[in-house]
Amino acid sequence: MASARKTLLTGSLTFAGGLALWLWGLDEEIFIFTPSKVGVVLMIVGGLEALYGVYKSLRRDDAA
């Protein structure tokens, strides 16, 4: 169960970090990348990881 919670927590934190970059990085531009675009990618990856954590926690409960 700890693995599912850890996956859910890291996914949520990644999503929150991406959201922060997307919200406050709209008018910034760094040499190679735009923080708002990186934020969108982090939100997608974090959301998928959080959903996987939910899936792992539900799947483990069904198996027991």
Protein backbone atom coordinates (compact mmCIF):
# COMPACT_ATOMS: atom_id res chain seq x y z
CA MET A 1 0.00 0.00 0.00
CA ALA A 2 2.89 2.36 0.65
CA SER A 3 4.00 2.13 -2.96
CA ALA A 4 0.57 3.22 -4.22
CA ARG A 5 0.48 6.16 -1.82
CA LYS A 6 4.00 7.17 -2.82
CA THR A 7 3.06 7.07 -6.50
CA LEU A 8 -0.08 9.10 -5.84
CA LEU A 9 1.85 11.66 -3.81
CA THR A 10 4.65 12.12 -6.33
CA GLY A 11 2.12 12.40 -9.15
CA SER A 12 0.19 15.04 -7.26
CA LEU A 13 3.34 17.02 -6.49
CA THR A 14 4.47 16.82 -10.11
CA PHE A 15 1.06 18.04 -11.24
CA ALA A 16 1.17 20.92 -8.75
CA GLY A 17 4.66 21.91 -9.88
CA GLY A 18 3.54 21.86 -13.50
CA LEU A 19 0.49 23.93 -12.64
CA ALA A 20 2.68 26.51 -10.93
CA LEU A 21 4.98 26.71 -13.95
CA TRP A 22 2.02 27.04 -16.29
CA LEU A 23 0.32 29.75 -14.23
CA TRP A 24 3.33 31.93 -13.46
CA GLY A 25 5.52 31.16 -16.46
CA LEU A 26 3.27 32.43 -19.22
CA ASP A 27 5.18 35.64 -19.91
CA GLU A 28 8.67 34.26 -19.28
CA GLU A 29 11.02 32.73 -21.81
CA ILE A 30 14.27 31.03 -20.94
CA PHE A 31 16.97 30.45 -23.56
CA ILE A 32 15.79 27.05 -24.81
CA PHE A 33 12.31 26.45 -23.38
CA THR A 34 9.17 28.20 -22.21
CA PRO A 35 8.19 27.42 -18.59
CA SER A 36 4.49 27.34 -19.44
CA LYS A 37 5.02 24.57 -22.03
CA VAL A 38 7.16 22.58 -19.60
CA GLY A 39 4.40 23.09 -17.02
CA VAL A 40 1.80 21.56 -19.34
CA VAL A 41 4.03 18.53 -19.90
CA LEU A 42 4.58 18.15 -16.15
CA MET A 43 0.85 18.40 -15.51
CA ILE A 44 0.17 15.61 -18.02
CA VAL A 45 2.89 13.37 -16.59
CA GLY A 46 1.86 14.12 -12.99
CA GLY A 47 -1.80 13.48 -13.74
CA LEU A 48 -1.01 10.15 -15.37
CA GLU A 49 1.19 9.16 -12.45
CA ALA A 50 -1.49 10.13 -9.93
CA LEU A 51 -4.07 8.12 -11.84
CA TYR A 52 -1.69 5.16 -11.84
CA GLY A 53 -1.34 5.53 -8.06
CA VAL A 54 -5.12 5.47 -7.70
CA TYR A 55 -5.27 2.40 -9.93
CA LYS A 56 -2.57 0.64 -7.88
CA SER A 57 -4.35 1.37 -4.61
CA LEU A 58 -7.71 0.16 -5.94
CA ARG A 59 -6.19 -2.89 -7.57
CA ARG A 60 -4.40 -3.90 -4.37
CA ASP A 61 -7.65 -3.63 -2.38
CA ASP A 62 -9.44 -5.88 -4.87
CA ALA A 63 -6.73 -8.54 -4.70
CA ALA A 64 -6.87 -8.82 -0.91
